[in-house]
PDB file of N, CA and C in Angstrom:
ATOM      1  N   MET A   1       3.034 -20.219 -11.168  1.00  0.00           N
ATOM      2  CA  MET A   1       3.289 -19.043 -10.864  1.00  0.00           C
ATOM      3  C   MET A   1       4.420 -18.544 -10.600  1.00  0.00           C
ATOM      4  N   GLN A   2       4.737 -17.622 -11.318  1.00  0.00           N
ATOM      5  CA  GLN A   2       6.448 -17.003 -11.144  1.00  0.00           C
ATOM      6  C   GLN A   2       6.256 -16.170  -9.594  1.00  0.00           C
ATOM      7  N   SER A   3       7.244 -16.412  -8.451  1.00  0.00           N
ATOM      8  CA  SER A   3       7.401 -15.529  -7.165  1.00  0.00           C
ATOM      9  C   SER A   3       8.035 -14.429  -7.209  1.00  0.00           C
ATOM     10  N   ILE A   4       7.643 -13.016  -6.717  1.00  0.00           N
ATOM     11  CA  ILE A   4       8.310 -11.733  -7.394  1.00  0.00           C
ATOM     12  C   ILE A   4       8.614 -11.008  -5.765  1.00  0.00           C
ATOM     13  N   PRO A   5       9.855 -11.342  -5.556  1.00  0.00           N
ATOM     14  CA  PRO A   5      10.037 -10.512  -4.252  1.00  0.00           C
ATOM     15  C   PRO A   5       9.620  -8.657  -3.921  1.00  0.00           C
ATOM     16  N   ALA A   6       8.637  -8.811  -3.990  1.00  0.00           N
ATOM     17  CA  ALA A   6       8.194  -7.350  -3.841  1.00  0.00           C
ATOM     18  C   ALA A   6       8.043  -6.998  -2.660  1.00  0.00           C
ATOM     19  N   THR A   7       8.086  -5.974  -1.886  1.00  0.00           N
ATOM     20  CA  THR A   7       8.283  -5.514  -0.449  1.00  0.00           C
ATOM     21  C   THR A   7       6.931  -4.690   0.188  1.00  0.00           C
ATOM     22  N   LEU A   8       6.304  -4.949   0.981  1.00  0.00           N
ATOM     23  CA  LEU A   8       5.117  -4.323   1.492  1.00  0.00           C
ATOM     24  C   LEU A   8       5.818  -3.412   2.429  1.00  0.00           C
ATOM     25  N   SER A   9       5.742  -1.836   2.750  1.00  0.00           N
ATOM     26  CA  SER A   9       6.303  -1.087   4.029  1.00  0.00           C
ATOM     27  C   SER A   9       5.308  -0.235   4.188  1.00  0.00           C
ATOM     28  N   TYR A  10       5.565   0.408   5.555  1.00  0.00           N
ATOM     29  CA  TYR A  10       4.472   1.194   6.217  1.00  0.00           C
ATOM     30  C   TYR A  10       5.844   2.469   6.788  1.00  0.00           C
ATOM     31  N   ASP A  11       5.465   3.672   6.864  1.00  0.00           N
ATOM     32  CA  ASP A  11       6.174   4.602   7.677  1.00  0.00           C
ATOM     33  C   ASP A  11       5.195   5.082   8.377  1.00  0.00           C
ATOM     34  N   ARG A  12       5.547   5.828   9.531  1.00  0.00           N
ATOM     35  CA  ARG A  12       4.516   6.482  10.349  1.00  0.00           C
ATOM     36  C   ARG A  12       4.146   7.855   9.855  1.00  0.00           C
ATOM     37  N   GLN A  13       5.420   8.234   9.465  1.00  0.00           N
ATOM     38  CA  GLN A  13       5.793   9.698   8.932  1.00  0.00           C
ATOM     39  C   GLN A  13       4.149  10.080   7.613  1.00  0.00           C
ATOM     40  N   ASP A  14       3.844   8.686   6.895  1.00  0.00           N
ATOM     41  CA  ASP A  14       2.830   8.721   5.954  1.00  0.00           C
ATOM     42  C   ASP A  14       1.793   7.792   6.446  1.00  0.00           C
ATOM     43  N   PRO A  15       1.200   7.718   7.849  1.00  0.00           N
ATOM     44  CA  PRO A  15       0.304   7.036   8.801  1.00  0.00           C
ATOM     45  C   PRO A  15      -0.908   6.335   7.663  1.00  0.00           C
ATOM     46  N   PHE A  16      -1.639   6.821   6.682  1.00  0.00           N
ATOM     47  CA  PHE A  16      -2.770   6.439   5.875  1.00  0.00           C
ATOM     48  C   PHE A  16      -2.194   5.728   4.796  1.00  0.00           C
ATOM     49  N   ALA A  17      -1.081   5.459   4.621  1.00  0.00           N
ATOM     50  CA  ALA A  17      -0.582   4.841   3.298  1.00  0.00           C
ATOM     51  C   ALA A  17       0.180   3.864   3.614  1.00  0.00           C
ATOM     52  N   VAL A  18       0.851   2.641   2.686  1.00  0.00           N
ATOM     53  CA  VAL A  18       1.662   1.582   2.797  1.00  0.00           C
ATOM     54  C   VAL A  18       1.901   1.275   0.979  1.00  0.00           C
ATOM     55  N   ARG A  19       3.229   1.027   1.227  1.00  0.00           N
ATOM     56  CA  ARG A  19       3.674   0.563  -0.369  1.00  0.00           C
ATOM     57  C   ARG A  19       4.138  -0.799  -0.440  1.00  0.00           C
ATOM     58  N   MET A  20       4.268  -0.827  -1.972  1.00  0.00           N
ATOM     59  CA  MET A  20       4.582  -1.976  -2.158  1.00  0.00           C
ATOM     60  C   MET A  20       5.661  -1.730  -3.166  1.00  0.00           C
ATOM     61  N   THR A  21       6.422  -2.516  -3.160  1.00  0.00           N
ATOM     62  CA  THR A  21       8.078  -1.941  -4.182  1.00  0.00           C
ATOM     63  C   THR A  21       8.608  -3.083  -4.994  1.00  0.00           C
ATOM     64  N   PHE A  22       8.323  -2.678  -5.919  1.00  0.00           N
ATOM     65  CA  PHE A  22       9.441  -4.464  -7.085  1.00  0.00           C
ATOM     66  C   PHE A  22      10.497  -3.566  -7.622  1.00  0.00           C
ATOM     67  N   PRO A  23      11.217  -5.235  -7.199  1.00  0.00           N
ATOM     68  CA  PRO A  23      12.818  -4.593  -8.005  1.00  0.00           C
ATOM     69  C   PRO A  23      12.750  -4.509  -9.497  1.00  0.00           C
ATOM     70  N   ALA A  24      13.836  -3.901  -9.929  1.00  0.00           N
ATOM     71  CA  ALA A  24      13.726  -3.458 -11.032  1.00  0.00           C
ATOM     72  C   ALA A  24      13.375  -4.839 -12.048  1.00  0.00           C
ATOM     73  N   PRO A  25      13.674  -6.038 -12.227  1.00  0.00           N
ATOM     74  CA  PRO A  25      14.056  -6.846 -12.864  1.00  0.00           C
ATOM     75  C   PRO A  25      12.248  -7.489 -13.074  1.00  0.00           C
ATOM     76  N   ALA A  26      11.604  -7.080 -12.198  1.00  0.00           N
ATOM     77  CA  ALA A  26      10.393  -7.312 -11.810  1.00  0.00           C
ATOM     78  C   ALA A  26       9.246  -6.096 -12.953  1.00  0.00           C
ATOM     79  N   THR A  27       9.874  -5.501 -13.356  1.00  0.00           N
ATOM     80  CA  THR A  27       8.804  -4.516 -13.419  1.00  0.00           C
ATOM     81  C   THR A  27       9.000  -4.614 -15.315  1.00  0.00           C
ATOM     82  N   LEU A  28       8.056  -4.492 -16.105  1.00  0.00           N
ATOM     83  CA  LEU A  28       8.200  -3.755 -17.498  1.00  0.00           C
ATOM     84  C   LEU A  28       8.957  -2.645 -17.993  1.00  0.00           C
ATOM     85  N   GLU A  29       9.156  -1.632 -16.881  1.00  0.00           N
ATOM     86  CA  GLU A  29      10.202  -0.614 -17.047  1.00  0.00           C
ATOM     87  C   GLU A  29      11.574  -0.260 -16.896  1.00  0.00           C
ATOM     88  N   GLY A  30      11.988  -1.792 -15.950  1.00  0.00           N
ATOM     89  CA  GLY A  30      13.520  -2.162 -15.297  1.00  0.00           C
ATOM     90  C   GLY A  30      14.026  -1.386 -14.757  1.00  0.00           C
ATOM     91  N   VAL A  31      13.130  -0.633 -14.001  1.00  0.00           N
ATOM     92  CA  VAL A  31      13.428   0.053 -12.525  1.00  0.00           C
ATOM     93  C   VAL A  31      12.365  -0.406 -11.463  1.00  0.00           C
ATOM     94  N   GLU A  32      13.068  -0.070 -10.411  1.00  0.00           N
ATOM     95  CA  GLU A  32      12.527  -0.096  -9.043  1.00  0.00           C
ATOM     96  C   GLU A  32      10.660   0.734  -9.418  1.00  0.00           C
ATOM     97  N   VAL A  33       9.765   0.041  -9.069  1.00  0.00           N
ATOM     98  CA  VAL A  33       8.188   0.714  -9.009  1.00  0.00           C
ATOM     99  C   VAL A  33       7.981   0.341  -7.695  1.00  0.00           C
ATOM    100  N   CYS A  34       7.000   1.658  -7.185  1.00  0.00           N
ATOM    101  CA  CYS A  34       6.639   1.606  -5.555  1.00  0.00           C
ATOM    102  C   CYS A  34       5.597   2.344  -6.180  1.00  0.00           C
ATOM    103  N   TRP A  35       4.053   1.532  -5.388  1.00  0.00           N
ATOM    104  CA  TRP A  35       2.672   1.649  -5.494  1.00  0.00           C
ATOM    105  C   TRP A  35       2.767   2.204  -4.372  1.00  0.00           C
ATOM    106  N   THR A  36       1.699   3.598  -3.831  1.00  0.00           N
ATOM    107  CA  THR A  36       1.406   3.797  -2.689  1.00  0.00           C
ATOM    108  C   THR A  36      -0.265   3.484  -2.469  1.00  0.00           C
ATOM    109  N   PHE A  37      -0.606   3.121  -1.554  1.00  0.00           N
ATOM    110  CA  PHE A  37      -2.114   3.149  -2.024  1.00  0.00           C
ATOM    111  C   PHE A  37      -2.644   3.199  -0.122  1.00  0.00           C
ATOM    112  N   ALA A  38      -3.934   3.105   0.513  1.00  0.00           N
ATOM    113  CA  ALA A  38      -4.362   3.400   1.536  1.00  0.00           C
ATOM    114  C   ALA A  38      -4.394   2.111   2.262  1.00  0.00           C
ATOM    115  N   ARG A  39      -3.502   2.187   3.680  1.00  0.00           N
ATOM    116  CA  ARG A  39      -3.477   1.084   4.741  1.00  0.00           C
ATOM    117  C   ARG A  39      -4.760   0.155   4.961  1.00  0.00           C
ATOM    118  N   ASP A  40      -5.995   1.510   4.714  1.00  0.00           N
ATOM    119  CA  ASP A  40      -7.497   0.908   4.777  1.00  0.00           C
ATOM    120  C   ASP A  40      -8.097   0.287   3.723  1.00  0.00           C
ATOM    121  N   LEU A  41      -7.687   0.184   2.553  1.00  0.00           N
ATOM    122  CA  LEU A  41      -7.730  -0.104   1.293  1.00  0.00           C
ATOM    123  C   LEU A  41      -6.991  -1.615   1.216  1.00  0.00           C
ATOM    124  N   LEU A  42      -6.092  -1.842   1.763  1.00  0.00           N
ATOM    125  CA  LEU A  42      -5.681  -3.286   1.986  1.00  0.00           C
ATOM    126  C   LEU A  42      -6.340  -3.995   3.072  1.00  0.00           C
ATOM    127  N   ALA A  43      -6.693  -3.339   4.037  1.00  0.00           N
ATOM    128  CA  ALA A  43      -7.292  -4.537   4.977  1.00  0.00           C
ATOM    129  C   ALA A  43      -8.799  -4.780   4.616  1.00  0.00           C
ATOM    130  N   ALA A  44      -9.043  -3.391   4.213  1.00  0.00           N
ATOM    131  CA  ALA A  44     -10.827  -4.008   4.184  1.00  0.00           C
ATOM    132  C   ALA A  44     -11.034  -4.891   2.320  1.00  0.00           C
ATOM    133  N   GLY A  45      -9.432  -4.756   1.506  1.00  0.00           N
ATOM    134  CA  GLY A  45      -9.459  -6.020   0.535  1.00  0.00           C
ATOM    135  C   GLY A  45      -9.673  -7.418   0.737  1.00  0.00           C
ATOM    136  N   LEU A  46      -9.255  -7.878   2.240  1.00  0.00           N
ATOM    137  CA  LEU A  46      -8.888  -9.189   2.759  1.00  0.00           C
ATOM    138  C   LEU A  46     -10.405  -9.813   2.781  1.00  0.00           C
ATOM    139  N   HIS A  47     -11.418  -8.609   2.699  1.00  0.00           N
ATOM    140  CA  HIS A  47     -12.742  -9.226   3.358  1.00  0.00           C
ATOM    141  C   HIS A  47     -13.933  -9.311   1.874  1.00  0.00           C
ATOM    142  N   ASP A  48     -13.668  -8.491   0.970  1.00  0.00           N
ATOM    143  CA  ASP A  48     -14.143  -7.516   0.126  1.00  0.00           C
ATOM    144  C   ASP A  48     -13.503  -7.453  -0.958  1.00  0.00           C
ATOM    145  N   ALA A  49     -13.965  -7.518  -2.690  1.00  0.00           N
ATOM    146  CA  ALA A  49     -13.110  -6.791  -3.441  1.00  0.00           C
ATOM    147  C   ALA A  49     -13.539  -4.925  -3.260  1.00  0.00           C
ATOM    148  N   GLU A  50     -11.977  -4.531  -2.847  1.00  0.00           N
ATOM    149  CA  GLU A  50     -11.967  -3.339  -2.592  1.00  0.00           C
ATOM    150  C   GLU A  50     -11.327  -2.172  -4.087  1.00  0.00           C
ATOM    151  N   GLY A  51     -11.508  -0.860  -3.958  1.00  0.00           N
ATOM    152  CA  GLY A  51     -11.037  -0.592  -5.060  1.00  0.00           C
ATOM    153  C   GLY A  51     -11.709   0.098  -6.363  1.00  0.00           C
ATOM    154  N   HIS A  52     -11.243   1.372  -6.877  1.00  0.00           N
ATOM    155  CA  HIS A  52     -12.043   1.361  -8.270  1.00  0.00           C
ATOM    156  C   HIS A  52     -10.928   2.022  -8.803  1.00  0.00           C
ATOM    157  N   GLY A  53      -9.694   2.498  -8.328  1.00  0.00           N
ATOM    158  CA  GLY A  53      -8.674   2.924  -8.801  1.00  0.00           C
ATOM    159  C   GLY A  53      -7.793   2.473  -9.371  1.00  0.00           C
ATOM    160  N   ASP A  54      -6.549   2.756  -9.071  1.00  0.00           N
ATOM    161  CA  ASP A  54      -5.250   2.428  -9.928  1.00  0.00           C
ATOM    162  C   ASP A  54      -4.798   1.264  -9.008  1.00  0.00           C
ATOM    163  N   VAL A  55      -5.215   0.572  -7.876  1.00  0.00           N
ATOM    164  CA  VAL A  55      -5.036  -0.339  -6.657  1.00  0.00           C
ATOM    165  C   VAL A  55      -6.826  -0.457  -6.577  1.00  0.00           C
ATOM    166  N   ARG A  56      -5.900  -2.158  -6.440  1.00  0.00           N
ATOM    167  CA  ARG A  56      -7.583  -2.800  -6.172  1.00  0.00           C
ATOM    168  C   ARG A  56      -7.141  -4.236  -5.010  1.00  0.00           C
ATOM    169  N   VAL A  57      -7.515  -4.493  -4.199  1.00  0.00           N
ATOM    170  CA  VAL A  57      -7.586  -5.985  -3.517  1.00  0.00           C
ATOM    171  C   VAL A  57      -8.805  -6.901  -3.292  1.00  0.00           C
ATOM    172  N   ARG A  58      -8.635  -8.084  -3.506  1.00  0.00           N
ATOM    173  CA  ARG A  58      -9.896  -9.091  -3.078  1.00  0.00           C
ATOM    174  C   ARG A  58      -9.097  -9.763  -2.531  1.00  0.00           C
ATOM    175  N   PRO A  59     -10.340 -10.462  -1.726  1.00  0.00           N
ATOM    176  CA  PRO A  59      -9.645 -12.185  -1.529  1.00  0.00           C
ATOM    177  C   PRO A  59      -9.672 -13.011  -2.596  1.00  0.00           C
ATOM    178  N   TYR A  60      -8.795 -13.947  -2.877  1.00  0.00           N
ATOM    179  CA  TYR A  60      -9.090 -15.047  -3.554  1.00  0.00           C
ATOM    180  C   TYR A  60      -9.103 -16.080  -3.086  1.00  0.00           C
ATOM    181  N   GLY A  61      -9.570 -16.419  -1.802  1.00  0.00           N
ATOM    182  CA  GLY A  61      -9.689 -17.412  -1.531  1.00  0.00           C
ATOM    183  C   GLY A  61      -8.167 -18.367  -1.235  1.00  0.00           C
ATOM    184  N   TYR A  62      -8.246 -19.821  -0.970  1.00  0.00           N
ATOM    185  CA  TYR A  62      -7.104 -20.522  -0.423  1.00  0.00           C
ATOM    186  C   TYR A  62      -6.419 -20.053   0.395  1.00  0.00           C
ATOM    187  N   GLY A  63      -6.705 -18.469   1.411  1.00  0.00           N
ATOM    188  CA  GLY A  63      -5.888 -17.673   1.841  1.00  0.00           C
ATOM    189  C   GLY A  63      -4.913 -17.377   1.195  1.00  0.00           C
ATOM    190  N   ARG A  64      -5.532 -16.786   0.021  1.00  0.00           N
ATOM    191  CA  ARG A  64      -4.808 -15.854  -0.816  1.00  0.00           C
ATOM    192  C   ARG A  64      -5.643 -14.388  -0.968  1.00  0.00           C
ATOM    193  N   THR A  65      -4.618 -13.526  -0.979  1.00  0.00           N
ATOM    194  CA  THR A  65      -5.210 -11.659  -1.647  1.00  0.00           C
ATOM    195  C   THR A  65      -4.486 -11.229  -2.581  1.00  0.00           C
ATOM    196  N   VAL A  66      -5.465 -10.855  -3.749  1.00  0.00           N
ATOM    197  CA  VAL A  66      -4.931 -10.613  -4.785  1.00  0.00           C
ATOM    198  C   VAL A  66      -4.666  -8.982  -4.805  1.00  0.00           C
ATOM    199  N   LEU A  67      -4.051  -8.753  -5.040  1.00  0.00           N
ATOM    200  CA  LEU A  67      -3.875  -7.017  -5.089  1.00  0.00           C
ATOM    201  C   LEU A  67      -3.695  -6.890  -7.020  1.00  0.00           C
ATOM    202  N   GLU A  68      -3.943  -5.461  -7.314  1.00  0.00           N
ATOM    203  CA  GLU A  68      -4.055  -5.660  -8.934  1.00  0.00           C
ATOM    204  C   GLU A  68      -3.527  -4.172  -8.952  1.00  0.00           C
ATOM    205  N   PHE A  69      -2.582  -3.765  -9.702  1.00  0.00           N
ATOM    206  CA  PHE A  69      -1.668  -2.108  -9.952  1.00  0.00           C
ATOM    207  C   PHE A  69      -2.253  -2.163 -11.365  1.00  0.00           C
ATOM    208  N   HIS A  70      -3.063  -1.519 -11.513  1.00  0.00           N
ATOM    209  CA  HIS A  70      -3.558  -1.004 -13.199  1.00  0.00           C
ATOM    210  C   HIS A  70      -2.505   0.344 -13.485  1.00  0.00           C
ATOM    211  N   ALA A  71      -2.030   0.289 -14.680  1.00  0.00           N
ATOM    212  CA  ALA A  71      -1.508   1.328 -15.173  1.00  0.00           C
ATOM    213  C   ALA A  71      -1.301   1.480 -16.692  1.00  0.00           C
ATOM    214  N   PRO A  72      -1.049   2.637 -17.220  1.00  0.00           N
ATOM    215  CA  PRO A  72      -1.142   2.748 -18.652  1.00  0.00           C
ATOM    216  C   PRO A  72      -0.642   1.403 -19.630  1.00  0.00           C
ATOM    217  N   GLU A  73       0.680   1.138 -18.778  1.00  0.00           N
ATOM    218  CA  GLU A  73       1.380   0.225 -19.560  1.00  0.00           C
ATOM    219  C   GLU A  73       0.724  -1.339 -19.371  1.00  0.00           C
ATOM    220  N   GLY A  74       0.135  -1.438 -18.300  1.00  0.00           N
ATOM    221  CA  GLY A  74      -0.563  -3.103 -18.456  1.00  0.00           C
ATOM    222  C   GLY A  74      -0.797  -2.945 -16.760  1.00  0.00           C
ATOM    223  N   THR A  75      -1.465  -3.985 -16.553  1.00  0.00           N
ATOM    224  CA  THR A  75      -2.113  -4.542 -15.120  1.00  0.00           C
ATOM    225  C   THR A  75      -0.697  -5.654 -14.744  1.00  0.00           C
ATOM    226  N   ALA A  76      -0.503  -5.581 -13.385  1.00  0.00           N
ATOM    227  CA  ALA A  76       0.132  -6.164 -12.429  1.00  0.00           C
ATOM    228  C   ALA A  76      -0.680  -6.652 -11.408  1.00  0.00           C
ATOM    229  N   VAL A  77      -1.044  -8.240 -11.457  1.00  0.00           N
ATOM    230  CA  VAL A  77      -1.763  -8.892 -10.416  1.00  0.00           C
ATOM    231  C   VAL A  77      -0.885  -9.585  -9.850  1.00  0.00           C
ATOM    232  N   VAL A  78      -0.690  -9.408  -8.509  1.00  0.00           N
ATOM    233  CA  VAL A  78       0.312  -9.890  -7.318  1.00  0.00           C
ATOM    234  C   VAL A  78      -0.895 -11.107  -6.413  1.00  0.00           C
ATOM    235  N   HIS A  79      -0.617 -12.318  -6.127  1.00  0.00           N
ATOM    236  CA  HIS A  79      -1.037 -13.137  -5.015  1.00  0.00           C
ATOM    237  C   HIS A  79      -0.151 -13.099  -4.034  1.00  0.00           C
ATOM    238  N   VAL A  80      -0.857 -12.627  -2.713  1.00  0.00           N
ATOM    239  CA  VAL A  80      -0.232 -12.611  -1.654  1.00  0.00           C
ATOM    240  C   VAL A  80      -0.706 -13.861  -0.819  1.00  0.00           C
ATOM    241  N   HIS A  81      -0.076 -13.944   0.527  1.00  0.00           N
ATOM    242  CA  HIS A  81      -0.888 -15.154   1.448  1.00  0.00           C
ATOM    243  C   HIS A  81      -1.100 -14.031   2.304  1.00  0.00           C
ATOM    244  N   THR A  82      -2.500 -14.396   2.683  1.00  0.00           N
ATOM    245  CA  THR A  82      -3.603 -13.293   3.488  1.00  0.00           C
ATOM    246  C   THR A  82      -2.684 -13.449   4.652  1.00  0.00           C
ATOM    247  N   GLU A  83      -1.693 -14.390   5.435  1.00  0.00           N
ATOM    248  CA  GLU A  83      -2.054 -14.471   6.562  1.00  0.00           C
ATOM    249  C   GLU A  83      -0.435 -13.380   6.733  1.00  0.00           C
ATOM    250  N   LYS A  84       0.105 -13.363   5.948  1.00  0.00           N
ATOM    251  CA  LYS A  84       1.409 -12.439   5.749  1.00  0.00           C
ATOM    252  C   LYS A  84       0.965 -10.984   5.595  1.00  0.00           C
ATOM    253  N   ILE A  85      -0.206 -10.925   4.951  1.00  0.00           N
ATOM    254  CA  ILE A  85      -0.943  -9.362   5.197  1.00  0.00           C
ATOM    255  C   ILE A  85      -1.236  -8.990   6.155  1.00  0.00           C
ATOM    256  N   LEU A  86      -2.221 -10.100   7.060  1.00  0.00           N
ATOM    257  CA  LEU A  86      -2.643 -10.154   8.546  1.00  0.00           C
ATOM    258  C   LEU A  86      -1.649  -9.471   9.598  1.00  0.00           C
ATOM    259  N   ASP A  87      -0.248 -10.017   9.151  1.00  0.00           N
ATOM    260  CA  ASP A  87       0.915 -10.111   9.962  1.00  0.00           C
ATOM    261  C   ASP A  87       1.372  -8.303   9.526  1.00  0.00           C
ATOM    262  N   PHE A  88       1.733  -8.232   8.812  1.00  0.00           N
ATOM    263  CA  PHE A  88       2.109  -6.907   8.257  1.00  0.00           C
ATOM    264  C   PHE A  88       1.148  -5.216   8.622  1.00  0.00           C
ATOM    265  N   LEU A  89      -0.328  -5.898   8.884  1.00  0.00           N
ATOM    266  CA  LEU A  89      -1.196  -4.978   9.324  1.00  0.00           C
ATOM    267  C   LEU A  89      -1.169  -4.527  10.772  1.00  0.00           C
ATOM    268  N   ARG A  90      -0.963  -6.127  11.400  1.00  0.00           N
ATOM    269  CA  ARG A  90      -0.867  -6.023  12.620  1.00  0.00           C
ATOM    270  C   ARG A  90       0.314  -5.315  13.418  1.00  0.00           C
ATOM    271  N   ALA A  91       1.426  -5.242  12.401  1.00  0.00           N
ATOM    272  CA  ALA A  91       2.876  -4.533  12.840  1.00  0.00           C
ATOM    273  C   ALA A  91       2.225  -3.447  12.628  1.00  0.00           C
ATOM    274  N   THR A  92       1.692  -2.965  11.271  1.00  0.00           N
ATOM    275  CA  THR A  92       1.732  -1.092  11.305  1.00  0.00           C
ATOM    276  C   THR A  92       0.720  -0.870  12.166  1.00  0.00           C
ATOM    277  N   SER A  93      -0.699  -1.264  12.931  1.00  0.00           N
ATOM    278  CA  SER A  93      -1.301  -0.905  14.079  1.00  0.00           C
ATOM    279  C   SER A  93      -0.524  -1.272  15.517  1.00  0.00           C
ATOM    280  N   GLU A  94       0.533  -1.490  15.427  1.00  0.00           N
ATOM    281  CA  GLU A  94       1.115  -1.458  16.755  1.00  0.00           C
ATOM    282  C   GLU A  94       2.006  -0.464  16.818  1.00  0.00           C
ATOM    283  N   LEU A  95       2.421   0.027  15.410  1.00  0.00           N
ATOM    284  CA  LEU A  95       3.336   1.951  15.541  1.00  0.00           C
ATOM    285  C   LEU A  95       2.239   2.681  15.550  1.00  0.00           C
ATOM    286  N   VAL A  96       1.052   2.410  14.424  1.00  0.00           N
ATOM    287  CA  VAL A  96      -0.099   3.437  14.622  1.00  0.00           C
ATOM    288  C   VAL A  96      -1.282   2.702  14.769  1.00  0.00           C
ATOM    289  N   PRO A  97      -1.938   2.978  15.608  1.00  0.00           N
ATOM    290  CA  PRO A  97      -3.304   1.884  15.636  1.00  0.00           C
ATOM    291  C   PRO A  97      -4.398   2.892  14.613  1.00  0.00           C
ATOM    292  N   ALA A  98      -5.124   1.828  14.113  1.00  0.00           N
ATOM    293  CA  ALA A  98      -5.827   2.461  12.939  1.00  0.00           C
ATOM    294  C   ALA A  98      -6.935   3.606  13.821  1.00  0.00           C
ATOM    295  N   GLY A  99      -7.316   4.460  13.372  1.00  0.00           N
ATOM    296  CA  GLY A  99      -8.137   5.498  13.420  1.00  0.00           C
ATOM    297  C   GLY A  99      -7.327   6.768  14.719  1.00  0.00           C
ATOM    298  N   THR A 100      -5.838   6.586  14.522  1.00  0.00           N
ATOM    299  CA  THR A 100      -5.037   7.570  15.741  1.00  0.00           C
ATOM    300  C   THR A 100      -4.319   7.761  14.442  1.00  0.00           C
ATOM    301  N   GLU A 101      -4.254   7.818  13.283  1.00  0.00           N
ATOM    302  CA  GLU A 101      -3.032   8.384  12.310  1.00  0.00           C
ATOM    303  C   GLU A 101      -3.123   9.415  12.407  1.00  0.00           C
ATOM    304  N   TYR A 102      -4.316  10.629  12.571  1.00  0.00           N
ATOM    305  CA  TYR A 102      -4.219  12.083  12.786  1.00  0.00           C
ATOM    306  C   TYR A 102      -2.953  12.689  13.485  1.00  0.00           C
ATOM    307  N   ARG A 103      -3.064  11.191  14.542  1.00  0.00           N
ATOM    308  CA  ARG A 103      -1.912  12.094  15.703  1.00  0.00           C
ATOM    309  C   ARG A 103      -0.379  12.250  15.477  1.00  0.00           C
ATOM    310  N   GLN A 104      -0.525  11.312  14.009  1.00  0.00           N
ATOM    311  CA  GLN A 104       1.128  11.562  13.529  1.00  0.00           C
ATOM    312  C   GLN A 104       1.750  12.997  12.579  1.00  0.00           C
ATOM    313  N   LEU A 105       0.065  13.288  12.360  1.00  0.00           N
ATOM    314  CA  LEU A 105       0.517  14.336  11.324  1.00  0.00           C
ATOM    315  C   LEU A 105       0.432  16.122  12.144  1.00  0.00           C
ATOM    316  N   ASP A 106       1.444  16.636  11.014  1.00  0.00           N
ATOM    317  CA  ASP A 106       1.874  17.678  11.775  1.00  0.00           C
ATOM    318  C   ASP A 106       1.692  18.735  10.819  1.00  0.00           C
ATOM    319  N   LEU A 107       0.214  18.990  10.937  1.00  0.00           N
ATOM    320  CA  LEU A 107      -0.826  19.647  10.220  1.00  0.00           C
ATOM    321  C   LEU A 107      -0.093  21.394  10.215  1.00  0.00           C
ATOM    322  N   ASP A 108       0.427  22.108  11.114  1.00  0.00           N
ATOM    323  CA  ASP A 108       1.107  22.864  11.694  1.00  0.00           C
ATOM    324  C   ASP A 108       2.269  23.415  10.497  1.00  0.00           C
ATOM    325  N   HIS A 109       3.060  22.255  10.978  1.00  0.00           N
ATOM    326  CA  HIS A 109       4.132  22.291   9.921  1.00  0.00           C
ATOM    327  C   HIS A 109       4.223  22.150   8.267  1.00  0.00           C
ATOM    328  N   ASP A 110       2.711  21.431   7.819  1.00  0.00           N
ATOM    329  CA  ASP A 110       2.690  21.048   6.651  1.00  0.00           C
ATOM    330  C   ASP A 110       2.086  22.274   5.889  1.00  0.00           C
ATOM    331  N   LEU A 111       1.230  23.000   6.706  1.00  0.00           N
ATOM    332  CA  LEU A 111       0.751  23.942   6.314  1.00  0.00           C
ATOM    333  C   LEU A 111       1.667  25.463   5.909  1.00  0.00           C
ATOM    334  N   ALA A 112       2.435  25.637   6.935  1.00  0.00           N
ATOM    335  CA  ALA A 112       3.345  26.354   6.839  1.00  0.00           C
ATOM    336  C   ALA A 112       4.296  26.121   5.684  1.00  0.00           C
ATOM    337  N   GLU A 113       5.136  24.524   5.380  1.00  0.00           N
ATOM    338  CA  GLU A 113       5.542  24.472   3.987  1.00  0.00           C
ATOM    339  C   GLU A 113       4.879  24.699   2.769  1.00  0.00           C
ATOM    340  N   LEU A 114       3.661  24.702   2.415  1.00  0.00           N
ATOM    341  CA  LEU A 114       2.702  25.350   1.896  1.00  0.00           C
ATOM    342  C   LEU A 114       2.769  26.471   1.395  1.00  0.00           C
ATOM    343  N   MET A 115       2.486  27.693   2.652  1.00  0.00           N
ATOM    344  CA  MET A 115       2.276  28.847   2.119  1.00  0.00           C
ATOM    345  C   MET A 115       3.833  29.347   2.102  1.00  0.00           C
ATOM    346  N   ARG A 116       4.681  28.777   2.322  1.00  0.00           N
ATOM    347  CA  ARG A 116       6.300  29.479   2.177  1.00  0.00           C
ATOM    348  C   ARG A 116       6.420  29.022   0.564  1.00  0.00           C
ATOM    349  N   ASP A 117       6.173  27.941   0.022  1.00  0.00           N
ATOM    350  CA  ASP A 117       6.129  27.823  -1.497  1.00  0.00           C
ATOM    351  C   ASP A 117       4.788  28.484  -2.330  1.00  0.00           C
ATOM    352  N   ALA A 118       4.046  29.105  -1.915  1.00  0.00           N
ATOM    353  CA  ALA A 118       3.236  29.849  -2.485  1.00  0.00           C
ATOM    354  C   ALA A 118       3.375  30.970  -2.644  1.00  0.00           C
ATOM    355  N   ARG A 119       4.495  31.674  -1.613  1.00  0.00           N
ATOM    356  CA  ARG A 119       4.979  33.191  -1.842  1.00  0.00           C
ATOM    357  C   ARG A 119       5.657  33.418  -3.384  1.00  0.00           C
TER     358      ARG A 119
END
């Protein structure tokens, strides 16, 4: 199985989401591709198959988790050591504990931005 240097990242400015970025040489388009999906989806997919849309996560056994990324061009199936995902999720929870994501949002500012653009 070919190893791909994909990167999982988290930004407390977008507290409900995680991102997996694939470098240009690993993509069909030849450009860096970033998939954004729910942190809860990643966590839930460690125990049971989760996701019905473009991103799906499921346990694979032997300490691995499978992430599937579905696009019109095809499907990428990525195997990740489950322990690495657990470490990543622990680190994100230290930044923003699960269930407290809403505290990171500035809804007044976001609403003002939406209203400004509507004028």
